[in-house]
C-alpha atoms as a PDB file:
ATOM      1  CA  MET A   1       0.000   0.000   0.000  1.00  0.00           C
ATOM      2  CA  LYS A   2       1.362   3.401  -0.999  1.00  0.00           C
ATOM      3  CA  LYS A   3       1.519   6.238   1.469  1.00  0.00           C
ATOM      4  CA  ARG A   4      -0.121   9.445   0.375  1.00  0.00           C
ATOM      5  CA  LEU A   5       1.982  12.501   0.746  1.00  0.00           C
ATOM      6  CA  LYS A   6       0.016  15.443   2.075  1.00  0.00           C
ATOM      7  CA  LEU A   7       1.288  18.764   0.788  1.00  0.00           C
ATOM      8  CA  HIS A   8       0.735  22.115   2.428  1.00  0.00           C
ATOM      9  CA  ASN A   9      -1.261  24.570   0.325  1.00  0.00           C
ATOM     10  CA  PRO A  10       0.197  28.060   0.943  1.00  0.00           C
ATOM     11  CA  PHE A  11      -2.710  29.713  -0.870  1.00  0.00           C
ATOM     12  CA  LYS A  12      -5.402  28.269   1.365  1.00  0.00           C
ATOM     13  CA  PRO A  13      -6.555  31.069   3.661  1.00  0.00           C
ATOM     14  CA  ARG A  14      -6.241  30.366   7.363  1.00  0.00           C
ATOM     15  CA  ILE A  15      -8.832  33.011   8.158  1.00  0.00           C
ATOM     16  CA  THR A  16     -12.370  31.782   7.713  1.00  0.00           C
ATOM     17  CA  ASP A  17     -14.268  34.938   8.643  1.00  0.00           C
ATOM     18  CA  GLU A  18     -14.974  36.875   5.435  1.00  0.00           C
ATOM     19  CA  LYS A  19     -14.540  40.318   7.000  1.00  0.00           C
ATOM     20  CA  ASN A  20     -11.190  39.413   8.566  1.00  0.00           C
ATOM     21  CA  LEU A  21     -10.086  37.762   5.336  1.00  0.00           C
ATOM     22  CA  ARG A  22     -10.830  40.927   3.351  1.00  0.00           C
ATOM     23  CA  GLU A  23      -8.916  43.069   5.833  1.00  0.00           C
ATOM     24  CA  HIS A  24      -5.999  40.644   5.811  1.00  0.00           C
ATOM     25  CA  LEU A  25      -5.859  40.566   2.007  1.00  0.00           C
ATOM     26  CA  ALA A  26      -6.097  44.365   1.835  1.00  0.00           C
ATOM     27  CA  LEU A  27      -3.130  44.667   4.194  1.00  0.00           C
ATOM     28  CA  GLU A  28      -1.161  42.160   2.109  1.00  0.00           C
ATOM     29  CA  ARG A  29      -1.905  44.152  -1.061  1.00  0.00           C
ATOM     30  CA  THR A  30      -0.740  47.300   0.694  1.00  0.00           C
ATOM     31  CA  LYS A  31       2.489  45.586   1.746  1.00  0.00           C
ATOM     32  CA  LEU A  32       3.154  44.490  -1.820  1.00  0.00           C
ATOM     33  CA  ALA A  33       2.422  47.989  -3.120  1.00  0.00           C
ATOM     34  CA  ASN A  34       4.835  49.384  -0.534  1.00  0.00           C
ATOM     35  CA  GLU A  35       7.569  47.025  -1.761  1.00  0.00           C
ATOM     36  CA  ARG A  36       6.875  47.997  -5.389  1.00  0.00           C
ATOM     37  CA  THR A  37       7.166  51.658  -4.471  1.00  0.00           C
ATOM     38  CA  LEU A  38      10.516  51.054  -2.770  1.00  0.00           C
ATOM     39  CA  LEU A  39      11.780  49.266  -5.874  1.00  0.00           C
ATOM     40  CA  SER A  40      10.640  52.217  -8.002  1.00  0.00           C
ATOM     41  CA  TYR A  41      12.594  54.622  -5.812  1.00  0.00           C
ATOM     42  CA  ILE A  42      15.661  52.389  -6.088  1.00  0.00           C
ATOM     43  CA  ARG A  43      15.279  52.185  -9.884  1.00  0.00           C
ATOM     44  CA  ALA A  44      14.971  55.972 -10.205  1.00  0.00           C
ATOM     45  CA  SER A  45      17.978  56.414  -7.937  1.00  0.00           C
ATOM     46  CA  LEU A  46      20.074  54.040 -10.053  1.00  0.00           C
ATOM     47  CA  TYR A  47      19.099  55.889 -13.231  1.00  0.00           C
ATOM     48  CA  LEU A  48      20.141  59.177 -11.653  1.00  0.00           C
ATOM     49  CA  LEU A  49      23.405  57.575 -10.524  1.00  0.00           C
ATOM     50  CA  LEU A  50      24.155  56.349 -14.044  1.00  0.00           C
ATOM     51  CA  GLY A  51      23.203  59.695 -15.557  1.00  0.00           C
ATOM     52  CA  GLY A  52      25.316  61.602 -13.056  1.00  0.00           C
ATOM     53  CA  ILE A  53      28.351  59.407 -13.661  1.00  0.00           C
ATOM     54  CA  ALA A  54      27.914  59.731 -17.422  1.00  0.00           C
ATOM     55  CA  LEU A  55      27.709  63.519 -17.179  1.00  0.00           C
ATOM     56  CA  LEU A  56      30.851  63.603 -15.051  1.00  0.00           C
ATOM     57  CA  GLN A  57      32.718  61.612 -17.716  1.00  0.00           C
ATOM     58  CA  VAL A  58      32.084  64.204 -20.446  1.00  0.00           C
ATOM     59  CA  LYS A  59      35.340  66.167 -20.795  1.00  0.00           C
ATOM     60  CA  GLU A  60      34.394  68.786 -23.370  1.00  0.00           C
ATOM     61  CA  TYR A  61      31.651  70.548 -21.406  1.00  0.00           C
ATOM     62  CA  THR A  62      32.656  71.679 -17.942  1.00  0.00           C
ATOM     63  CA  ASN A  63      29.170  73.016 -17.163  1.00  0.00           C
ATOM     64  CA  LEU A  64      27.796  69.476 -17.332  1.00  0.00           C
ATOM     65  CA  LYS A  65      29.882  68.480 -14.311  1.00  0.00           C
ATOM     66  CA  ILE A  66      27.650  70.632 -12.118  1.00  0.00           C
ATOM     67  CA  ILE A  67      24.569  68.855 -13.464  1.00  0.00           C
ATOM     68  CA  GLY A  68      26.319  65.525 -12.896  1.00  0.00           C
ATOM     69  CA  TYR A  69      26.982  66.358  -9.248  1.00  0.00           C
ATOM     70  CA  ILE A  70      23.386  67.529  -8.837  1.00  0.00           C
ATOM     71  CA  ALA A  71      22.169  64.221 -10.300  1.00  0.00           C
ATOM     72  CA  LEU A  72      24.369  62.288  -7.849  1.00  0.00           C
ATOM     73  CA  PHE A  73      23.020  64.332  -4.944  1.00  0.00           C
ATOM     74  CA  ILE A  74      19.399  63.798  -6.049  1.00  0.00           C
ATOM     75  CA  CYS A  75      20.197  60.081  -6.425  1.00  0.00           C
ATOM     76  CA  VAL A  76      21.087  59.845  -2.737  1.00  0.00           C
ATOM     77  CA  VAL A  77      18.051  61.935  -1.759  1.00  0.00           C
ATOM     78  CA  PHE A  78      15.717  59.646  -3.754  1.00  0.00           C
ATOM     79  CA  LEU A  79      17.188  56.587  -2.111  1.00  0.00           C
ATOM     80  CA  LEU A  80      16.835  58.030   1.396  1.00  0.00           C
ATOM     81  CA  ILE A  81      13.256  59.182   0.764  1.00  0.00           C
ATOM     82  CA  GLY A  82      12.296  55.774  -0.620  1.00  0.00           C
ATOM     83  CA  ILE A  83      13.792  53.858   2.289  1.00  0.00           C
ATOM     84  CA  GLY A  84      12.273  56.280   4.817  1.00  0.00           C
ATOM     85  CA  ARG A  85       8.783  55.977   3.319  1.00  0.00           C
ATOM     86  CA  TYR A  86       9.095  52.193   3.162  1.00  0.00           C
ATOM     87  CA  ILE A  87      10.108  51.914   6.817  1.00  0.00           C
ATOM     88  CA  SER A  88       7.416  54.304   8.053  1.00  0.00           C
ATOM     89  CA  LEU A  89       4.611  52.548   6.172  1.00  0.00           C
ATOM     90  CA  GLU A  90       5.917  49.127   7.210  1.00  0.00           C
ATOM     91  CA  ARG A  91       5.792  50.198  10.866  1.00  0.00           C
ATOM     92  CA  ARG A  92       2.239  51.504  10.474  1.00  0.00           C
ATOM     93  CA  LEU A  93       1.171  48.258   8.801  1.00  0.00           C
ATOM     94  CA  ASN A  94       2.749  46.205  11.574  1.00  0.00           C
ATOM     95  CA  ASP A  95       0.823  48.282  14.131  1.00  0.00           C
ATOM     96  CA  LEU A  96      -2.387  47.429  12.273  1.00  0.00           C
ATOM     97  CA  LEU A  97      -1.556  43.740  12.229  1.00  0.00           C
ATOM     98  CA  LEU A  98      -0.845  43.523  15.954  1.00  0.00           C
ATOM     99  CA  PRO A  99      -3.936  42.727  18.015  1.00  0.00           C
ATOM    100  CA  ASP A 100      -5.237  45.290  20.473  1.00  0.00           C
ATOM    101  CA  GLU A 101      -4.643  44.662  24.173  1.00  0.00           C
ATOM    102  CA  ASP A 102      -8.422  44.371  24.643  1.00  0.00           C
ATOM    103  CA  ASP A 103      -8.558  41.528  22.105  1.00  0.00           C
ATOM    104  CA  ILE A 104      -5.894  39.458  23.867  1.00  0.00           C
ATOM    105  CA  GLU A 105      -7.395  36.993  26.299  1.00  0.00           C
ATOM    106  CA  LYS A 106      -5.719  37.048  29.678  1.00  0.00           C
ATOM    107  CA  PRO A 107      -5.441  33.813  31.650  1.00  0.00           C
ATOM    108  CA  ASP A 108      -7.331  33.830  34.914  1.00  0.00           C
END
């Protein structure tokens, strides 16, 4: 007789209440959107980094070096803003996911 292997289904919701399931899925969508936004900030920052380095490599136009340095500065600013927004929203989402003290059952 063959043994049946039981696999875990990661897509099966553990929450059975429809209202809680909707809230949980909405928070998950918000988390994913937050990660996408961080990746967009990183992508924009990398483009500014490449553009700034390219402008600094141009030897014939000295005025472009100023624009290159500005692009490098904005690159760092974009990266810091993106990381800061990601961390702040992640903290707020974690606060929403934690149960309230009233909801926690205390042992008698």
